[in-house]
Every structure is written in structure tokens, then in C-alpha cells.
Amino acid sequence: MNPRVKSVQATDDYALVLQFTDGAQGVYDCKSLLDFGVFKELRDKPYFKRASVDNGTVVWPNQQDICPDTLYLDAVKLENAS
């Protein structure tokens, strides 16, 4: 099992800045999801920015979520500041 999401910040360009339980940080680009099913609602920027963490993954109020393994494996990892 991969680490889970500890915190999330949604950006204006449909990306999620993530911190994971293992200390890794990364950015996950959501633009490719915006044309599919329940994720179309995320096109609304104020709604997209309501992203939060629940049970180790990113969720939105109308029950959209992204698999935490997908977030960890596909996020572009950021260097840790020393």
C-alpha cells in the first residue's frame, strides 16, 4: 500500500498540491479528468478549490474522489526543502 494524502491545496489551474504521510510532496494535474462523468463538476473553479482530505485521499462535497494510490503514483514529486 502506498502512502496516503495528509494535506491538499487546490490551485487555480486544476492541480492538487499534495503532502503524503511518508513526507513526500507532489503535484497532481486534474485537467485530464474534467471531461469525464462526475468529474465534469470540477470544472467550476470555486467548487474544485473545495478539495479536502478524507480517509487519506482527496474528496469534494458531492462525493467525487481520486484513488490515493493514483495520486501518489502519478503526482509529480517535489524536492523536499532542507
C-alpha atoms as a PDB file:
ATOM      1  CA  MET A   1       0.000   0.000   0.000  1.00  0.00           C
ATOM      2  CA  ASN A   2       1.283   3.442  -0.933  1.00  0.00           C
ATOM      3  CA  PRO A   3       1.305   6.387   1.482  1.00  0.00           C
ATOM      4  CA  ARG A   4      -1.918   8.319   1.854  1.00  0.00           C
ATOM      5  CA  VAL A   5      -2.706  12.009   1.433  1.00  0.00           C
ATOM      6  CA  LYS A   6      -2.061  14.123   4.527  1.00  0.00           C
ATOM      7  CA  SER A   7      -2.953  17.562   3.101  1.00  0.00           C
ATOM      8  CA  VAL A   8      -4.158  19.096  -0.163  1.00  0.00           C
ATOM      9  CA  GLN A   9      -4.237  22.542  -1.714  1.00  0.00           C
ATOM     10  CA  ALA A  10      -6.182  23.019  -4.948  1.00  0.00           C
ATOM     11  CA  THR A  11      -4.708  25.544  -7.404  1.00  0.00           C
ATOM     12  CA  ASP A  12      -6.369  27.834  -9.954  1.00  0.00           C
ATOM     13  CA  ASP A  13      -5.050  25.680 -12.820  1.00  0.00           C
ATOM     14  CA  TYR A  14      -6.781  22.450 -11.724  1.00  0.00           C
ATOM     15  CA  ALA A  15      -3.833  20.919  -9.923  1.00  0.00           C
ATOM     16  CA  LEU A  16      -3.606  19.485  -6.427  1.00  0.00           C
ATOM     17  CA  VAL A  17      -0.563  20.209  -4.298  1.00  0.00           C
ATOM     18  CA  LEU A  18      -0.302  17.185  -2.037  1.00  0.00           C
ATOM     19  CA  GLN A  19       1.573  16.165   1.062  1.00  0.00           C
ATOM     20  CA  PHE A  20       1.705  12.444   1.763  1.00  0.00           C
ATOM     21  CA  THR A  21       2.019  10.524   5.009  1.00  0.00           C
ATOM     22  CA  ASP A  22       5.587   9.463   4.141  1.00  0.00           C
ATOM     23  CA  GLY A  23       6.657  13.118   3.904  1.00  0.00           C
ATOM     24  CA  ALA A  24       6.698  13.219   0.090  1.00  0.00           C
ATOM     25  CA  GLN A  25       5.140  16.212  -1.654  1.00  0.00           C
ATOM     26  CA  GLY A  26       3.783  16.276  -5.170  1.00  0.00           C
ATOM     27  CA  VAL A  27       1.508  17.940  -7.693  1.00  0.00           C
ATOM     28  CA  TYR A  28      -1.298  16.033  -9.393  1.00  0.00           C
ATOM     29  CA  ASP A  29      -2.773  17.591 -12.553  1.00  0.00           C
ATOM     30  CA  CYS A  30      -6.552  17.065 -12.703  1.00  0.00           C
ATOM     31  CA  LYS A  31      -7.151  18.612 -16.143  1.00  0.00           C
ATOM     32  CA  SER A  32      -7.414  15.213 -17.841  1.00  0.00           C
ATOM     33  CA  LEU A  33     -10.325  14.265 -15.542  1.00  0.00           C
ATOM     34  CA  LEU A  34     -12.518  17.277 -16.270  1.00  0.00           C
ATOM     35  CA  ASP A  35     -14.269  15.763 -19.309  1.00  0.00           C
ATOM     36  CA  PHE A  36     -15.384  12.567 -17.579  1.00  0.00           C
ATOM     37  CA  GLY A  37     -18.601  11.776 -15.726  1.00  0.00           C
ATOM     38  CA  VAL A  38     -18.785  13.015 -12.161  1.00  0.00           C
ATOM     39  CA  PHE A  39     -15.540  14.948 -12.562  1.00  0.00           C
ATOM     40  CA  LYS A  40     -17.120  17.444 -15.006  1.00  0.00           C
ATOM     41  CA  GLU A  41     -18.418  19.319 -11.957  1.00  0.00           C
ATOM     42  CA  LEU A  42     -14.795  20.061 -11.010  1.00  0.00           C
ATOM     43  CA  ARG A  43     -14.579  22.477 -13.969  1.00  0.00           C
ATOM     44  CA  ASP A  44     -16.209  25.033 -11.661  1.00  0.00           C
ATOM     45  CA  LYS A  45     -13.083  26.556 -10.065  1.00  0.00           C
ATOM     46  CA  PRO A  46     -14.676  27.568  -6.748  1.00  0.00           C
ATOM     47  CA  TYR A  47     -16.008  24.010  -6.418  1.00  0.00           C
ATOM     48  CA  PHE A  48     -12.656  22.478  -7.438  1.00  0.00           C
ATOM     49  CA  LYS A  49     -10.957  24.540  -4.731  1.00  0.00           C
ATOM     50  CA  ARG A  50     -13.187  22.883  -2.104  1.00  0.00           C
ATOM     51  CA  ALA A  51     -10.993  19.785  -2.266  1.00  0.00           C
ATOM     52  CA  SER A  52     -10.244  18.297   1.140  1.00  0.00           C
ATOM     53  CA  VAL A  53      -8.694  15.187   2.664  1.00  0.00           C
ATOM     54  CA  ASP A  54     -10.854  12.354   3.968  1.00  0.00           C
ATOM     55  CA  ASN A  55      -9.552   8.915   4.917  1.00  0.00           C
ATOM     56  CA  GLY A  56      -6.227   9.522   3.204  1.00  0.00           C
ATOM     57  CA  THR A  57      -7.467  10.700  -0.168  1.00  0.00           C
ATOM     58  CA  VAL A  58      -8.795  13.848  -1.856  1.00  0.00           C
ATOM     59  CA  VAL A  59     -12.560  14.354  -1.927  1.00  0.00           C
ATOM     60  CA  TRP A  60     -15.092  17.009  -2.914  1.00  0.00           C
ATOM     61  CA  PRO A  61     -18.503  17.740  -1.355  1.00  0.00           C
ATOM     62  CA  ASN A  62     -20.543  15.862  -3.991  1.00  0.00           C
ATOM     63  CA  GLN A  63     -18.630  12.626  -3.378  1.00  0.00           C
ATOM     64  CA  GLN A  64     -16.038  12.848  -6.132  1.00  0.00           C
ATOM     65  CA  ASP A  65     -12.731  11.339  -5.079  1.00  0.00           C
ATOM     66  CA  ILE A  66      -9.474  10.167  -6.576  1.00  0.00           C
ATOM     67  CA  CYS A  67      -7.817   6.898  -5.636  1.00  0.00           C
ATOM     68  CA  PRO A  68      -4.987   7.649  -3.180  1.00  0.00           C
ATOM     69  CA  ASP A  69      -2.675   5.207  -4.984  1.00  0.00           C
ATOM     70  CA  THR A  70      -3.260   7.086  -8.246  1.00  0.00           C
ATOM     71  CA  LEU A  71      -2.490  10.384  -6.537  1.00  0.00           C
ATOM     72  CA  TYR A  72       0.752   9.036  -5.072  1.00  0.00           C
ATOM     73  CA  LEU A  73       1.984   7.231  -8.185  1.00  0.00           C
ATOM     74  CA  ASP A  74       1.018   9.916 -10.716  1.00  0.00           C
ATOM     75  CA  ALA A  75       1.869  13.081  -8.797  1.00  0.00           C
ATOM     76  CA  VAL A  76       4.993  14.889  -9.929  1.00  0.00           C
ATOM     77  CA  LYS A  77       7.122  14.737  -6.800  1.00  0.00           C
ATOM     78  CA  LEU A  78       8.612  17.941  -5.411  1.00  0.00           C
ATOM     79  CA  GLU A  79      12.023  18.182  -3.810  1.00  0.00           C
ATOM     80  CA  ASN A  80      11.925  18.486  -0.034  1.00  0.00           C
ATOM     81  CA  ALA A  81      13.304  21.779   1.213  1.00  0.00           C
ATOM     82  CA  SER A  82      16.246  21.212   3.542  1.00  0.00           C
END
